[in-house]
Structure formats: structure tokens, C-alpha cells
């Protein structure tokens, strides 16, 4: 969980293709699924809520799914990528990136093509089915967050935002050991 306001803002715009100023809550879970961050705009600035689980995970079986979803999103942004470039940009070790892209190819979500500039290399792109799956996953993620808060009225959302902001300010003011110093 090294991303803070700017990094999560950029992910919201590029990967989720959403407007961070919309007032919606944008939820991010790390690869180990033990850290969740929620970014939102409360009309006076961005707020960031974090929760780290001491035991367990937010979702079981998350690591492979999260990595494959990240690869699909990266290929949507950079079609025709080499595996080595993809692994490097996503900070994945090459064997893991290769294993995950092979699973995506077997599921017909990723296509390989020979690099016309270097016949020994392959280029990876999303298949039409991969584009559909990624689009649906982005829609499902947004819908999930909407369902969580659909019954909350404006005053409840405002109170929730105030309480999260107050909690974060308190944590920051006491220099808590829970503060992520890598952000």
C-alpha cells in the first residue's frame, strides 16, 4: 500500500475511468488483500481512509485475481506490450507475470502476436472478450460501491465522511505507528 492521494487519484482516472471529484467512494485493495484504502472527495478536499487487517483477507483467493485484473487493465492502456515491459511496469516478477498471462490467454482474454520488429518476441493485447470482461469488471466494481451506500442519505454520507476525515487527522496528528511512511 504505497499509493497515497496522488497515486489513487491517477488510478481512479486511468484504470477505473471515473471522476474522483464525483463524490463517489473509490475502493482499492492491495495485492495481499489485507489493506484497503478508500479515496473520496468531500467538497473541501480529498479524503483517504485506510484499514489494514491484522489477520485474514478482505477477499479470499484475491492475489491471482487481482494480478490478472491488473494485467488486463494494463493491456487495455498499453496494447501490444511485451511481457517483460508489462512485468516491469506492474512490478511483478517475470515468472508470475508469465504464469498469469498464460492463464489469461487460456481463458481467451489475452492474445499474443509476433512482434513485427523482432520476430523472436511476442506482443500481448486484450482480446475482444478480454475487453468485455474488463469493462464489466469496472462496471461491477462501481456498482458494488453504489450498492454499499445506496440506502445512506446525504446526512449519513456527510457524517461518515466527517468521521473518516477526523480519524485520519487524529492519526496524522499523533504520528501513529499505523501511518504508512512509504506513501
C-alpha atoms as a PDB file:
ATOM      1  CA  UNK A   1       0.000   0.000   0.000  1.00  0.00           C
ATOM      2  CA  UNK A   2       2.396   2.706  -1.109  1.00  0.00           C
ATOM      3  CA  UNK A   3      -0.046   4.826  -3.062  1.00  0.00           C
ATOM      4  CA  UNK A   4      -1.484   7.905  -1.420  1.00  0.00           C
ATOM      5  CA  UNK A   5      -3.753  10.687  -2.688  1.00  0.00           C
ATOM      6  CA  UNK A   6      -1.993  11.365  -5.997  1.00  0.00           C
ATOM      7  CA  UNK A   7      -1.431   7.714  -6.917  1.00  0.00           C
ATOM      8  CA  UNK A   8      -5.004   6.683  -6.101  1.00  0.00           C
ATOM      9  CA  UNK A   9      -6.352   9.765  -7.890  1.00  0.00           C
ATOM     10  CA  UNK A  10      -4.410   8.709 -11.012  1.00  0.00           C
ATOM     11  CA  UNK A  11      -5.654   5.103 -10.746  1.00  0.00           C
ATOM     12  CA  UNK A  12      -9.235   6.337 -10.403  1.00  0.00           C
ATOM     13  CA  UNK A  13      -8.872   8.386 -13.597  1.00  0.00           C
ATOM     14  CA  UNK A  14      -6.863   5.960 -15.724  1.00  0.00           C
ATOM     15  CA  UNK A  15      -7.765   2.426 -14.627  1.00  0.00           C
ATOM     16  CA  UNK A  16     -11.307   2.911 -13.318  1.00  0.00           C
ATOM     17  CA  UNK A  17     -12.003   5.705 -15.821  1.00  0.00           C
ATOM     18  CA  UNK A  18     -14.027   7.596 -13.219  1.00  0.00           C
ATOM     19  CA  UNK A  19     -14.076  11.202 -11.974  1.00  0.00           C
ATOM     20  CA  UNK A  20     -12.529  11.327  -8.472  1.00  0.00           C
ATOM     21  CA  UNK A  21     -14.410  14.595  -7.808  1.00  0.00           C
ATOM     22  CA  UNK A  22     -17.798  12.880  -8.265  1.00  0.00           C
ATOM     23  CA  UNK A  23     -18.266  12.312  -4.531  1.00  0.00           C
ATOM     24  CA  UNK A  24     -18.224   8.535  -5.029  1.00  0.00           C
ATOM     25  CA  UNK A  25     -16.063   6.333  -2.846  1.00  0.00           C
ATOM     26  CA  UNK A  26     -13.259   4.528  -4.698  1.00  0.00           C
ATOM     27  CA  UNK A  27     -12.018   1.389  -3.005  1.00  0.00           C
ATOM     28  CA  UNK A  28      -8.538  -0.083  -3.571  1.00  0.00           C
ATOM     29  CA  UNK A  29      -7.212  -3.333  -2.107  1.00  0.00           C
ATOM     30  CA  UNK A  30      -3.520  -4.259  -2.121  1.00  0.00           C
ATOM     31  CA  UNK A  31      -2.198  -7.483  -3.684  1.00  0.00           C
ATOM     32  CA  UNK A  32      -2.183  -9.351  -0.351  1.00  0.00           C
ATOM     33  CA  UNK A  33      -5.797  -8.185   0.225  1.00  0.00           C
ATOM     34  CA  UNK A  34      -5.022  -7.182   3.798  1.00  0.00           C
ATOM     35  CA  UNK A  35      -5.018  -3.411   3.181  1.00  0.00           C
ATOM     36  CA  UNK A  36      -7.939  -1.414   1.835  1.00  0.00           C
ATOM     37  CA  UNK A  37      -7.939   2.277   1.000  1.00  0.00           C
ATOM     38  CA  UNK A  38     -10.963   4.374   0.133  1.00  0.00           C
ATOM     39  CA  UNK A  39     -10.488   7.669  -1.710  1.00  0.00           C
ATOM     40  CA  UNK A  40     -13.259  10.232  -1.897  1.00  0.00           C
ATOM     41  CA  UNK A  41     -13.884  13.954  -2.350  1.00  0.00           C
ATOM     42  CA  UNK A  42     -15.892  15.706   0.382  1.00  0.00           C
ATOM     43  CA  UNK A  43     -16.293  19.150  -1.261  1.00  0.00           C
ATOM     44  CA  UNK A  44     -13.337  20.591   0.677  1.00  0.00           C
ATOM     45  CA  UNK A  45     -10.612  18.156  -0.379  1.00  0.00           C
ATOM     46  CA  UNK A  46      -9.691  14.553  -0.895  1.00  0.00           C
ATOM     47  CA  UNK A  47     -10.045  12.117   1.976  1.00  0.00           C
ATOM     48  CA  UNK A  48      -8.264   8.803   2.275  1.00  0.00           C
ATOM     49  CA  UNK A  49      -9.454   6.083   4.617  1.00  0.00           C
ATOM     50  CA  UNK A  50      -7.266   3.039   5.265  1.00  0.00           C
ATOM     51  CA  UNK A  51      -7.783  -0.241   7.044  1.00  0.00           C
ATOM     52  CA  UNK A  52      -5.170  -2.957   7.473  1.00  0.00           C
ATOM     53  CA  UNK A  53      -6.300  -6.366   8.671  1.00  0.00           C
ATOM     54  CA  UNK A  54      -4.068  -7.984  11.280  1.00  0.00           C
ATOM     55  CA  UNK A  55      -5.396 -11.410  10.231  1.00  0.00           C
ATOM     56  CA  UNK A  56      -7.211 -12.667   7.163  1.00  0.00           C
ATOM     57  CA  UNK A  57      -8.003 -11.015   3.860  1.00  0.00           C
ATOM     58  CA  UNK A  58     -10.770  -8.834   2.542  1.00  0.00           C
ATOM     59  CA  UNK A  59     -11.383 -11.394  -0.236  1.00  0.00           C
ATOM     60  CA  UNK A  60     -10.197 -14.997  -0.398  1.00  0.00           C
ATOM     61  CA  UNK A  61      -8.279 -16.050  -3.497  1.00  0.00           C
ATOM     62  CA  UNK A  62      -7.558 -12.380  -4.187  1.00  0.00           C
ATOM     63  CA  UNK A  63      -3.908 -12.493  -5.229  1.00  0.00           C
ATOM     64  CA  UNK A  64      -4.249 -14.260  -8.582  1.00  0.00           C
ATOM     65  CA  UNK A  65      -7.482 -12.451  -9.420  1.00  0.00           C
ATOM     66  CA  UNK A  66      -6.011  -9.074  -8.506  1.00  0.00           C
ATOM     67  CA  UNK A  67      -2.885  -9.708 -10.550  1.00  0.00           C
ATOM     68  CA  UNK A  68      -4.855 -10.865 -13.592  1.00  0.00           C
ATOM     69  CA  UNK A  69      -7.216  -7.880 -13.335  1.00  0.00           C
ATOM     70  CA  UNK A  70      -4.207  -5.567 -13.098  1.00  0.00           C
ATOM     71  CA  UNK A  71      -2.688  -7.175 -16.206  1.00  0.00           C
ATOM     72  CA  UNK A  72      -5.954  -6.768 -18.139  1.00  0.00           C
ATOM     73  CA  UNK A  73      -6.166  -3.092 -17.137  1.00  0.00           C
ATOM     74  CA  UNK A  74      -2.523  -2.510 -18.111  1.00  0.00           C
ATOM     75  CA  UNK A  75      -3.041  -4.161 -21.504  1.00  0.00           C
ATOM     76  CA  UNK A  76      -6.127  -2.022 -22.077  1.00  0.00           C
ATOM     77  CA  UNK A  77      -3.954   1.063 -21.528  1.00  0.00           C
ATOM     78  CA  UNK A  78      -0.907  -0.311 -23.403  1.00  0.00           C
ATOM     79  CA  UNK A  79      -1.949  -2.797 -26.103  1.00  0.00           C
ATOM     80  CA  UNK A  80       0.901  -4.585 -27.834  1.00  0.00           C
ATOM     81  CA  UNK A  81       3.115  -4.783 -24.729  1.00  0.00           C
ATOM     82  CA  UNK A  82       5.977  -7.217 -24.310  1.00  0.00           C
ATOM     83  CA  UNK A  83       5.768  -9.485 -21.260  1.00  0.00           C
ATOM     84  CA  UNK A  84       8.996  -8.088 -19.802  1.00  0.00           C
ATOM     85  CA  UNK A  85       7.746  -4.495 -20.105  1.00  0.00           C
ATOM     86  CA  UNK A  86       4.399  -5.456 -18.610  1.00  0.00           C
ATOM     87  CA  UNK A  87       6.013  -7.238 -15.660  1.00  0.00           C
ATOM     88  CA  UNK A  88       8.368  -4.328 -15.039  1.00  0.00           C
ATOM     89  CA  UNK A  89       5.643  -1.669 -15.169  1.00  0.00           C
ATOM     90  CA  UNK A  90       3.412  -3.682 -12.789  1.00  0.00           C
ATOM     91  CA  UNK A  91       6.329  -4.593 -10.502  1.00  0.00           C
ATOM     92  CA  UNK A  92       5.695  -8.321 -10.973  1.00  0.00           C
ATOM     93  CA  UNK A  93       8.408 -10.939 -11.132  1.00  0.00           C
ATOM     94  CA  UNK A  94       8.676 -12.348 -14.640  1.00  0.00           C
ATOM     95  CA  UNK A  95       7.656 -15.969 -13.788  1.00  0.00           C
ATOM     96  CA  UNK A  96       4.472 -14.751 -12.056  1.00  0.00           C
ATOM     97  CA  UNK A  97       3.624 -12.371 -14.912  1.00  0.00           C
ATOM     98  CA  UNK A  98       4.195 -15.186 -17.407  1.00  0.00           C
ATOM     99  CA  UNK A  99       2.012 -17.614 -15.418  1.00  0.00           C
ATOM    100  CA  UNK A 100      -0.812 -15.074 -15.050  1.00  0.00           C
ATOM    101  CA  UNK A 101      -0.773 -14.036 -18.719  1.00  0.00           C
ATOM    102  CA  UNK A 102      -0.802 -17.732 -19.730  1.00  0.00           C
ATOM    103  CA  UNK A 103      -3.952 -18.186 -17.625  1.00  0.00           C
ATOM    104  CA  UNK A 104      -5.485 -15.129 -19.288  1.00  0.00           C
ATOM    105  CA  UNK A 105      -4.538 -16.454 -22.722  1.00  0.00           C
ATOM    106  CA  UNK A 106      -6.030 -19.873 -21.909  1.00  0.00           C
ATOM    107  CA  UNK A 107      -9.246 -18.063 -20.893  1.00  0.00           C
ATOM    108  CA  UNK A 108      -9.146 -16.282 -24.275  1.00  0.00           C
ATOM    109  CA  UNK A 109      -8.871 -12.851 -22.597  1.00  0.00           C
ATOM    110  CA  UNK A 110      -5.385 -12.068 -23.950  1.00  0.00           C
ATOM    111  CA  UNK A 111      -3.964 -12.558 -27.421  1.00  0.00           C
ATOM    112  CA  UNK A 112      -0.327 -12.971 -28.427  1.00  0.00           C
ATOM    113  CA  UNK A 113       1.155 -11.766 -31.700  1.00  0.00           C
ATOM    114  CA  UNK A 114       4.674 -11.877 -33.087  1.00  0.00           C
ATOM    115  CA  UNK A 115       6.468  -8.548 -32.808  1.00  0.00           C
ATOM    116  CA  UNK A 116       6.972  -7.360 -36.423  1.00  0.00           C
ATOM    117  CA  UNK A 117      10.173  -5.567 -35.361  1.00  0.00           C
ATOM    118  CA  UNK A 118      11.653  -8.595 -33.570  1.00  0.00           C
ATOM    119  CA  UNK A 119      10.321 -11.976 -34.710  1.00  0.00           C
ATOM    120  CA  UNK A 120      11.675 -13.619 -31.525  1.00  0.00           C
ATOM    121  CA  UNK A 121       9.387 -11.510 -29.297  1.00  0.00           C
ATOM    122  CA  UNK A 122       5.669 -11.629 -28.666  1.00  0.00           C
ATOM    123  CA  UNK A 123       3.293  -8.767 -28.047  1.00  0.00           C
ATOM    124  CA  UNK A 124       0.316  -9.062 -25.702  1.00  0.00           C
ATOM    125  CA  UNK A 125      -3.065  -7.393 -26.192  1.00  0.00           C
ATOM    126  CA  UNK A 126      -6.572  -7.788 -24.871  1.00  0.00           C
ATOM    127  CA  UNK A 127      -8.832  -9.981 -26.946  1.00  0.00           C
ATOM    128  CA  UNK A 128     -12.337  -8.681 -27.675  1.00  0.00           C
ATOM    129  CA  UNK A 129     -13.537 -10.989 -24.875  1.00  0.00           C
ATOM    130  CA  UNK A 130     -10.866  -9.554 -22.548  1.00  0.00           C
ATOM    131  CA  UNK A 131     -12.121  -6.045 -23.305  1.00  0.00           C
ATOM    132  CA  UNK A 132     -15.670  -7.104 -22.433  1.00  0.00           C
ATOM    133  CA  UNK A 133     -14.565  -8.778 -19.196  1.00  0.00           C
ATOM    134  CA  UNK A 134     -12.528  -5.741 -18.118  1.00  0.00           C
ATOM    135  CA  UNK A 135     -15.366  -3.353 -18.953  1.00  0.00           C
ATOM    136  CA  UNK A 136     -17.799  -5.495 -16.951  1.00  0.00           C
ATOM    137  CA  UNK A 137     -15.377  -5.765 -14.015  1.00  0.00           C
ATOM    138  CA  UNK A 138     -15.037  -1.976 -13.886  1.00  0.00           C
ATOM    139  CA  UNK A 139     -18.816  -1.597 -14.023  1.00  0.00           C
ATOM    140  CA  UNK A 140     -19.308  -4.263 -11.319  1.00  0.00           C
ATOM    141  CA  UNK A 141     -16.794  -2.551  -9.039  1.00  0.00           C
ATOM    142  CA  UNK A 142     -18.585   0.780  -9.367  1.00  0.00           C
ATOM    143  CA  UNK A 143     -21.991  -0.860  -8.883  1.00  0.00           C
ATOM    144  CA  UNK A 144     -20.729  -2.681  -5.783  1.00  0.00           C
ATOM    145  CA  UNK A 145     -19.672   0.577  -4.144  1.00  0.00           C
ATOM    146  CA  UNK A 146     -23.006   2.170  -5.074  1.00  0.00           C
ATOM    147  CA  UNK A 147     -24.896  -0.765  -3.509  1.00  0.00           C
ATOM    148  CA  UNK A 148     -22.968  -0.418  -0.263  1.00  0.00           C
ATOM    149  CA  UNK A 149     -24.070   3.187   0.190  1.00  0.00           C
ATOM    150  CA  UNK A 150     -27.375   3.253  -1.720  1.00  0.00           C
ATOM    151  CA  UNK A 151     -29.522   3.379   1.417  1.00  0.00           C
ATOM    152  CA  UNK A 152     -27.482   6.091   3.057  1.00  0.00           C
ATOM    153  CA  UNK A 153     -28.957   9.563   2.869  1.00  0.00           C
ATOM    154  CA  UNK A 154     -26.888  12.683   2.292  1.00  0.00           C
ATOM    155  CA  UNK A 155     -26.533  13.461   6.001  1.00  0.00           C
ATOM    156  CA  UNK A 156     -25.306   9.912   6.747  1.00  0.00           C
ATOM    157  CA  UNK A 157     -22.741  10.103   3.957  1.00  0.00           C
ATOM    158  CA  UNK A 158     -21.623  13.535   5.172  1.00  0.00           C
ATOM    159  CA  UNK A 159     -21.317  12.239   8.746  1.00  0.00           C
ATOM    160  CA  UNK A 160     -19.369   9.195   7.541  1.00  0.00           C
ATOM    161  CA  UNK A 161     -17.017  11.445   5.550  1.00  0.00           C
ATOM    162  CA  UNK A 162     -16.572  13.735   8.568  1.00  0.00           C
ATOM    163  CA  UNK A 163     -15.770  10.810  10.856  1.00  0.00           C
ATOM    164  CA  UNK A 164     -13.252   9.319   8.440  1.00  0.00           C
ATOM    165  CA  UNK A 165     -11.626  12.723   7.963  1.00  0.00           C
ATOM    166  CA  UNK A 166     -11.481  13.252  11.735  1.00  0.00           C
ATOM    167  CA  UNK A 167      -9.959   9.799  12.244  1.00  0.00           C
ATOM    168  CA  UNK A 168      -7.293  10.415   9.627  1.00  0.00           C
ATOM    169  CA  UNK A 169      -6.476  13.851  11.069  1.00  0.00           C
ATOM    170  CA  UNK A 170      -6.156  12.348  14.554  1.00  0.00           C
ATOM    171  CA  UNK A 171      -3.891   9.564  13.308  1.00  0.00           C
ATOM    172  CA  UNK A 172      -1.739  12.079  11.453  1.00  0.00           C
ATOM    173  CA  UNK A 173      -1.528  14.402  14.474  1.00  0.00           C
ATOM    174  CA  UNK A 174      -0.244  11.708  16.831  1.00  0.00           C
ATOM    175  CA  UNK A 175       2.197  10.243  14.286  1.00  0.00           C
ATOM    176  CA  UNK A 176       0.728   6.799  14.783  1.00  0.00           C
ATOM    177  CA  UNK A 177       2.834   3.711  14.032  1.00  0.00           C
ATOM    178  CA  UNK A 178      -0.048   2.722  11.719  1.00  0.00           C
ATOM    179  CA  UNK A 179       0.801   5.604   9.405  1.00  0.00           C
ATOM    180  CA  UNK A 180       2.187   4.371   6.086  1.00  0.00           C
ATOM    181  CA  UNK A 181       5.542   6.171   5.800  1.00  0.00           C
ATOM    182  CA  UNK A 182       6.079   4.812   2.258  1.00  0.00           C
ATOM    183  CA  UNK A 183       3.304   6.869   0.627  1.00  0.00           C
END
